[in-house]
Amino acid sequence: MKREIRRRIKEKEKSLEKAIKLLAKKKGYKSLMGFPYKIIDGFVYEALISTSSGDTPNLYIFIQSKPLILDEIFWKVFGMYEEAKKQPESFHIKGAFTASSVMIADFYQDFWEEENQEIVAERILDTVTLLIEKSRKKVFDIDTFETFISEKPNEELNKILISIIKKDYSKAENMIGYCLKNNISGGFMRGDNWKDIIEYAKEYING
């Protein structure tokens, strides 16, 4: 009996994923690995949608975002700009070497009791659009993005990249020095010696 219930839940989840993908295109979104995303005014917004089944099914929506210019300076610092700029726009999301997005909005509630998956998909995408619109009122350029991540942990690399974008090299150097002194990795390595991107950032500034 439990196996049959799990099978029905799985079928329902696949049906909903398909409905979201089809409707997302009509609403101006693109899809990547089953998740809708959109680029607006130089920012990429990706919606991560998760449903949990059980006695009380739940819906979770997380909106991740970043300014595209963050990736551009990431690639320049990492010595891969010419290669990366030839990639499709989805590379900003799925690329192995890109700046990290941050969660700027989230949503949670009990899942809607509705058999029609198209109706559920409509509600989900309307919620995604509303979350993006709300987030754009507080994070809309590199300065407001910098303010938004200022108190967040593990954002050292993004903060360094922003300082480089703003040509505040003294601030960038101080953060780079702090990271190197405390063995804080930027999370990305490449080259024959697997050099950390923090070291690349130091060379980029001094170059």
C-alpha atoms as a PDB file:
ATOM      1  CA  MET A   1       0.000   0.000   0.000  1.00  0.00           C
ATOM      2  CA  LYS A   2       2.784   2.421   0.948  1.00  0.00           C
ATOM      3  CA  ARG A   3       4.609   1.587  -2.295  1.00  0.00           C
ATOM      4  CA  GLU A   4       1.481   2.468  -4.271  1.00  0.00           C
ATOM      5  CA  ILE A   5       1.124   5.778  -2.411  1.00  0.00           C
ATOM      6  CA  ARG A   6       4.778   6.641  -3.100  1.00  0.00           C
ATOM      7  CA  ARG A   7       4.255   5.789  -6.777  1.00  0.00           C
ATOM      8  CA  ARG A   8       1.261   8.110  -7.015  1.00  0.00           C
ATOM      9  CA  ILE A   9       3.154  10.912  -5.274  1.00  0.00           C
ATOM     10  CA  LYS A  10       6.076  10.482  -7.669  1.00  0.00           C
ATOM     11  CA  GLU A  11       3.759  10.638 -10.664  1.00  0.00           C
ATOM     12  CA  LYS A  12       2.119  13.758  -9.283  1.00  0.00           C
ATOM     13  CA  GLU A  13       5.494  15.441  -8.749  1.00  0.00           C
ATOM     14  CA  LYS A  14       6.578  14.651 -12.328  1.00  0.00           C
ATOM     15  CA  SER A  15       3.283  15.953 -13.665  1.00  0.00           C
ATOM     16  CA  LEU A  16       3.698  19.180 -11.701  1.00  0.00           C
ATOM     17  CA  GLU A  17       7.297  19.632 -12.879  1.00  0.00           C
ATOM     18  CA  LYS A  18       6.172  19.263 -16.480  1.00  0.00           C
ATOM     19  CA  ALA A  19       3.308  21.732 -15.966  1.00  0.00           C
ATOM     20  CA  ILE A  20       5.667  24.290 -14.409  1.00  0.00           C
ATOM     21  CA  LYS A  21       8.140  23.982 -17.274  1.00  0.00           C
ATOM     22  CA  LEU A  22       5.442  24.478 -19.923  1.00  0.00           C
ATOM     23  CA  LEU A  23       3.794  27.406 -18.149  1.00  0.00           C
ATOM     24  CA  ALA A  24       7.126  29.032 -17.253  1.00  0.00           C
ATOM     25  CA  LYS A  25       7.913  29.500 -20.941  1.00  0.00           C
ATOM     26  CA  LYS A  26       4.564  31.244 -21.481  1.00  0.00           C
ATOM     27  CA  LYS A  27       5.312  33.576 -18.572  1.00  0.00           C
ATOM     28  CA  GLY A  28       8.708  34.599 -19.915  1.00  0.00           C
ATOM     29  CA  TYR A  29      10.879  32.240 -17.878  1.00  0.00           C
ATOM     30  CA  LYS A  30      13.438  29.782 -19.152  1.00  0.00           C
ATOM     31  CA  SER A  31      14.038  26.442 -17.485  1.00  0.00           C
ATOM     32  CA  LEU A  32      17.233  24.754 -16.436  1.00  0.00           C
ATOM     33  CA  MET A  33      17.286  21.330 -14.801  1.00  0.00           C
ATOM     34  CA  GLY A  34      13.587  21.701 -14.079  1.00  0.00           C
ATOM     35  CA  PHE A  35      13.856  25.108 -12.388  1.00  0.00           C
ATOM     36  CA  PRO A  36      12.611  28.385 -13.922  1.00  0.00           C
ATOM     37  CA  TYR A  37      14.961  31.336 -14.209  1.00  0.00           C
ATOM     38  CA  LYS A  38      14.905  34.819 -15.669  1.00  0.00           C
ATOM     39  CA  ILE A  39      17.407  37.615 -16.316  1.00  0.00           C
ATOM     40  CA  ILE A  40      16.130  41.095 -15.472  1.00  0.00           C
ATOM     41  CA  ASP A  41      18.116  44.346 -15.569  1.00  0.00           C
ATOM     42  CA  GLY A  42      21.500  42.654 -15.244  1.00  0.00           C
ATOM     43  CA  PHE A  43      20.484  40.201 -12.493  1.00  0.00           C
ATOM     44  CA  VAL A  44      19.788  36.501 -12.839  1.00  0.00           C
ATOM     45  CA  TYR A  45      16.943  35.057 -10.758  1.00  0.00           C
ATOM     46  CA  GLU A  46      16.560  31.323 -10.298  1.00  0.00           C
ATOM     47  CA  ALA A  47      13.615  29.710  -8.524  1.00  0.00           C
ATOM     48  CA  LEU A  48      14.301  26.489  -6.638  1.00  0.00           C
ATOM     49  CA  ILE A  49      10.988  24.734  -6.065  1.00  0.00           C
ATOM     50  CA  SER A  50      10.637  21.812  -3.701  1.00  0.00           C
ATOM     51  CA  THR A  51       7.627  19.836  -2.521  1.00  0.00           C
ATOM     52  CA  SER A  52       7.667  17.422   0.378  1.00  0.00           C
ATOM     53  CA  SER A  53       4.985  14.762   0.623  1.00  0.00           C
ATOM     54  CA  GLY A  54       3.598  13.277   3.788  1.00  0.00           C
ATOM     55  CA  ASP A  55       0.685  13.725   6.140  1.00  0.00           C
ATOM     56  CA  THR A  56       0.903  17.472   5.450  1.00  0.00           C
ATOM     57  CA  PRO A  57       2.498  18.138   2.032  1.00  0.00           C
ATOM     58  CA  ASN A  58       4.588  21.313   1.954  1.00  0.00           C
ATOM     59  CA  LEU A  59       5.814  23.691  -0.734  1.00  0.00           C
ATOM     60  CA  TYR A  60       9.157  25.512  -0.561  1.00  0.00           C
ATOM     61  CA  ILE A  61      10.328  28.181  -2.990  1.00  0.00           C
ATOM     62  CA  PHE A  62      13.784  29.760  -2.820  1.00  0.00           C
ATOM     63  CA  ILE A  63      14.854  32.634  -5.071  1.00  0.00           C
ATOM     64  CA  GLN A  64      18.588  32.825  -5.750  1.00  0.00           C
ATOM     65  CA  SER A  65      20.118  35.829  -7.464  1.00  0.00           C
ATOM     66  CA  LYS A  66      23.299  37.677  -8.357  1.00  0.00           C
ATOM     67  CA  PRO A  67      24.350  40.509 -10.680  1.00  0.00           C
ATOM     68  CA  LEU A  68      25.780  39.183 -13.943  1.00  0.00           C
ATOM     69  CA  ILE A  69      28.739  41.549 -13.665  1.00  0.00           C
ATOM     70  CA  LEU A  70      29.862  39.438 -10.699  1.00  0.00           C
ATOM     71  CA  ASP A  71      30.471  36.516 -13.055  1.00  0.00           C
ATOM     72  CA  GLU A  72      32.263  38.738 -15.553  1.00  0.00           C
ATOM     73  CA  ILE A  73      34.826  39.923 -12.997  1.00  0.00           C
ATOM     74  CA  PHE A  74      35.057  36.361 -11.609  1.00  0.00           C
ATOM     75  CA  TRP A  75      36.092  35.128 -15.065  1.00  0.00           C
ATOM     76  CA  LYS A  76      38.558  37.969 -15.564  1.00  0.00           C
ATOM     77  CA  VAL A  77      40.165  37.341 -12.170  1.00  0.00           C
ATOM     78  CA  PHE A  78      40.317  33.607 -12.871  1.00  0.00           C
ATOM     79  CA  GLY A  79      41.828  34.110 -16.312  1.00  0.00           C
ATOM     80  CA  MET A  80      38.948  32.523 -18.219  1.00  0.00           C
ATOM     81  CA  TYR A  81      36.934  35.486 -19.485  1.00  0.00           C
ATOM     82  CA  GLU A  82      37.452  34.888 -23.216  1.00  0.00           C
ATOM     83  CA  GLU A  83      36.356  31.274 -22.871  1.00  0.00           C
ATOM     84  CA  ALA A  84      33.410  31.921 -20.554  1.00  0.00           C
ATOM     85  CA  LYS A  85      31.873  34.835 -22.462  1.00  0.00           C
ATOM     86  CA  LYS A  86      31.215  32.488 -25.405  1.00  0.00           C
ATOM     87  CA  GLN A  87      28.964  30.292 -23.281  1.00  0.00           C
ATOM     88  CA  PRO A  88      25.132  30.534 -23.313  1.00  0.00           C
ATOM     89  CA  GLU A  89      23.446  32.645 -20.633  1.00  0.00           C
ATOM     90  CA  SER A  90      22.556  29.481 -18.689  1.00  0.00           C
ATOM     91  CA  PHE A  91      26.280  29.222 -17.896  1.00  0.00           C
ATOM     92  CA  HIS A  92      25.681  31.899 -15.242  1.00  0.00           C
ATOM     93  CA  ILE A  93      23.668  29.261 -13.364  1.00  0.00           C
ATOM     94  CA  LYS A  94      25.091  25.854 -14.276  1.00  0.00           C
ATOM     95  CA  GLY A  95      28.708  26.808 -14.991  1.00  0.00           C
ATOM     96  CA  ALA A  96      31.282  25.102 -12.793  1.00  0.00           C
ATOM     97  CA  PHE A  97      33.230  28.369 -12.504  1.00  0.00           C
ATOM     98  CA  THR A  98      30.836  31.187 -11.662  1.00  0.00           C
ATOM     99  CA  ALA A  99      30.278  33.516  -8.729  1.00  0.00           C
ATOM    100  CA  SER A 100      27.882  32.216  -6.105  1.00  0.00           C
ATOM    101  CA  SER A 101      24.270  33.313  -6.096  1.00  0.00           C
ATOM    102  CA  VAL A 102      22.622  34.224  -2.790  1.00  0.00           C
ATOM    103  CA  MET A 103      19.142  33.460  -1.540  1.00  0.00           C
ATOM    104  CA  ILE A 104      17.225  36.742  -1.576  1.00  0.00           C
ATOM    105  CA  ALA A 105      13.698  35.485  -0.937  1.00  0.00           C
ATOM    106  CA  ASP A 106      11.898  32.354   0.197  1.00  0.00           C
ATOM    107  CA  PHE A 107       8.368  31.057   0.606  1.00  0.00           C
ATOM    108  CA  TYR A 108       6.824  28.189   2.540  1.00  0.00           C
ATOM    109  CA  GLN A 109       3.309  26.938   3.056  1.00  0.00           C
ATOM    110  CA  ASP A 110       1.199  23.797   3.161  1.00  0.00           C
ATOM    111  CA  PHE A 111       0.778  22.508  -0.353  1.00  0.00           C
ATOM    112  CA  TRP A 112      -2.391  23.438  -2.210  1.00  0.00           C
ATOM    113  CA  GLU A 113      -4.947  20.625  -2.299  1.00  0.00           C
ATOM    114  CA  GLU A 114      -5.667  20.685  -6.002  1.00  0.00           C
ATOM    115  CA  GLU A 115      -5.734  17.840  -8.479  1.00  0.00           C
ATOM    116  CA  ASN A 116      -5.297  20.065 -11.527  1.00  0.00           C
ATOM    117  CA  GLN A 117      -1.524  20.440 -11.836  1.00  0.00           C
ATOM    118  CA  GLU A 118      -1.846  23.351 -14.270  1.00  0.00           C
ATOM    119  CA  ILE A 119      -3.645  25.360 -11.594  1.00  0.00           C
ATOM    120  CA  VAL A 120      -0.962  24.494  -9.030  1.00  0.00           C
ATOM    121  CA  ALA A 121       1.791  25.424 -11.504  1.00  0.00           C
ATOM    122  CA  GLU A 122       0.068  28.764 -12.136  1.00  0.00           C
ATOM    123  CA  ARG A 123      -0.029  29.531  -8.420  1.00  0.00           C
ATOM    124  CA  ILE A 124       3.604  28.535  -7.953  1.00  0.00           C
ATOM    125  CA  LEU A 125       4.852  30.703 -10.826  1.00  0.00           C
ATOM    126  CA  ASP A 126       2.715  33.639  -9.702  1.00  0.00           C
ATOM    127  CA  THR A 127       4.376  33.283  -6.287  1.00  0.00           C
ATOM    128  CA  VAL A 128       7.822  33.130  -7.901  1.00  0.00           C
ATOM    129  CA  THR A 129       7.093  36.315  -9.859  1.00  0.00           C
ATOM    130  CA  LEU A 130       5.855  38.094  -6.725  1.00  0.00           C
ATOM    131  CA  LEU A 131       8.975  37.073  -4.767  1.00  0.00           C
ATOM    132  CA  ILE A 132      11.237  38.383  -7.532  1.00  0.00           C
ATOM    133  CA  GLU A 133       9.327  41.670  -7.762  1.00  0.00           C
ATOM    134  CA  LYS A 134       9.597  42.176  -4.004  1.00  0.00           C
ATOM    135  CA  SER A 135      13.306  41.340  -3.938  1.00  0.00           C
ATOM    136  CA  ARG A 136      14.036  43.783  -6.769  1.00  0.00           C
ATOM    137  CA  LYS A 137      12.807  46.634  -4.588  1.00  0.00           C
ATOM    138  CA  LYS A 138      15.628  46.042  -2.089  1.00  0.00           C
ATOM    139  CA  VAL A 139      18.383  44.562  -4.300  1.00  0.00           C
ATOM    140  CA  PHE A 140      18.651  46.222  -7.707  1.00  0.00           C
ATOM    141  CA  ASP A 141      22.308  47.176  -8.318  1.00  0.00           C
ATOM    142  CA  ILE A 142      25.822  46.321  -7.180  1.00  0.00           C
ATOM    143  CA  ASP A 143      25.624  48.654  -4.164  1.00  0.00           C
ATOM    144  CA  THR A 144      22.386  47.201  -2.789  1.00  0.00           C
ATOM    145  CA  PHE A 145      23.680  43.688  -3.472  1.00  0.00           C
ATOM    146  CA  GLU A 146      26.826  44.511  -1.495  1.00  0.00           C
ATOM    147  CA  THR A 147      24.717  45.793   1.394  1.00  0.00           C
ATOM    148  CA  PHE A 148      22.522  42.698   1.273  1.00  0.00           C
ATOM    149  CA  ILE A 149      25.448  40.265   1.625  1.00  0.00           C
ATOM    150  CA  SER A 150      27.457  42.443   4.047  1.00  0.00           C
ATOM    151  CA  GLU A 151      26.415  40.480   7.140  1.00  0.00           C
ATOM    152  CA  LYS A 152      26.125  37.080   5.499  1.00  0.00           C
ATOM    153  CA  PRO A 153      28.738  34.392   6.270  1.00  0.00           C
ATOM    154  CA  ASN A 154      30.908  32.713   3.637  1.00  0.00           C
ATOM    155  CA  GLU A 155      30.590  35.581   1.173  1.00  0.00           C
ATOM    156  CA  GLU A 156      34.255  36.627   1.228  1.00  0.00           C
ATOM    157  CA  LEU A 157      34.815  35.980  -2.467  1.00  0.00           C
ATOM    158  CA  ASN A 158      31.747  37.917  -3.596  1.00  0.00           C
ATOM    159  CA  LYS A 159      32.755  40.836  -1.374  1.00  0.00           C
ATOM    160  CA  ILE A 160      36.254  40.842  -2.888  1.00  0.00           C
ATOM    161  CA  LEU A 161      34.844  40.718  -6.415  1.00  0.00           C
ATOM    162  CA  ILE A 162      32.489  43.610  -5.675  1.00  0.00           C
ATOM    163  CA  SER A 163      35.374  45.715  -4.348  1.00  0.00           C
ATOM    164  CA  ILE A 164      37.305  45.014  -7.552  1.00  0.00           C
ATOM    165  CA  ILE A 165      34.270  45.977  -9.652  1.00  0.00           C
ATOM    166  CA  LYS A 166      34.015  49.251  -7.722  1.00  0.00           C
ATOM    167  CA  LYS A 167      37.795  49.748  -8.063  1.00  0.00           C
ATOM    168  CA  ASP A 168      38.131  49.862  -4.278  1.00  0.00           C
ATOM    169  CA  TYR A 169      41.405  47.977  -4.474  1.00  0.00           C
ATOM    170  CA  SER A 170      42.528  48.878  -0.972  1.00  0.00           C
ATOM    171  CA  LYS A 171      39.433  47.232   0.500  1.00  0.00           C
ATOM    172  CA  ALA A 172      39.874  44.225  -1.774  1.00  0.00           C
ATOM    173  CA  GLU A 173      43.506  43.855  -0.734  1.00  0.00           C
ATOM    174  CA  ASN A 174      42.578  43.959   2.946  1.00  0.00           C
ATOM    175  CA  MET A 175      39.979  41.219   2.479  1.00  0.00           C
ATOM    176  CA  ILE A 176      42.361  39.134   0.384  1.00  0.00           C
ATOM    177  CA  GLY A 177      45.054  39.485   3.047  1.00  0.00           C
ATOM    178  CA  TYR A 178      42.592  38.431   5.740  1.00  0.00           C
ATOM    179  CA  CYS A 179      41.543  35.350   3.742  1.00  0.00           C
ATOM    180  CA  LEU A 180      45.116  34.282   2.996  1.00  0.00           C
ATOM    181  CA  LYS A 181      46.208  34.815   6.598  1.00  0.00           C
ATOM    182  CA  ASN A 182      43.303  32.748   7.943  1.00  0.00           C
ATOM    183  CA  ASN A 183      43.370  30.075   5.230  1.00  0.00           C
ATOM    184  CA  ILE A 184      39.915  31.038   3.964  1.00  0.00           C
ATOM    185  CA  SER A 185      39.356  29.560   0.520  1.00  0.00           C
ATOM    186  CA  GLY A 186      37.373  31.223  -2.222  1.00  0.00           C
ATOM    187  CA  GLY A 187      35.966  27.811  -3.069  1.00  0.00           C
ATOM    188  CA  PHE A 188      37.474  27.589  -6.563  1.00  0.00           C
ATOM    189  CA  MET A 189      40.854  26.303  -7.718  1.00  0.00           C
ATOM    190  CA  ARG A 190      42.449  25.824 -11.125  1.00  0.00           C
ATOM    191  CA  GLY A 191      45.804  25.725 -12.869  1.00  0.00           C
ATOM    192  CA  ASP A 192      48.670  23.271 -12.650  1.00  0.00           C
ATOM    193  CA  ASN A 193      49.152  23.990  -8.943  1.00  0.00           C
ATOM    194  CA  TRP A 194      45.432  24.199  -8.113  1.00  0.00           C
ATOM    195  CA  LYS A 195      45.771  27.784  -6.991  1.00  0.00           C
ATOM    196  CA  ASP A 196      42.856  29.271  -5.078  1.00  0.00           C
ATOM    197  CA  ILE A 197      40.864  32.082  -6.684  1.00  0.00           C
ATOM    198  CA  ILE A 198      41.761  34.327  -3.720  1.00  0.00           C
ATOM    199  CA  GLU A 199      45.378  34.162  -4.892  1.00  0.00           C
ATOM    200  CA  TYR A 200      44.256  34.879  -8.447  1.00  0.00           C
ATOM    201  CA  ALA A 201      42.436  37.964  -7.124  1.00  0.00           C
ATOM    202  CA  LYS A 202      45.641  39.159  -5.453  1.00  0.00           C
ATOM    203  CA  GLU A 203      47.559  38.757  -8.714  1.00  0.00           C
ATOM    204  CA  TYR A 204      44.779  40.465 -10.677  1.00  0.00           C
ATOM    205  CA  ILE A 205      44.940  43.562  -8.472  1.00  0.00           C
ATOM    206  CA  ASN A 206      48.733  43.675  -8.534  1.00  0.00           C
ATOM    207  CA  GLY A 207      48.920  42.865 -12.224  1.00  0.00           C
END
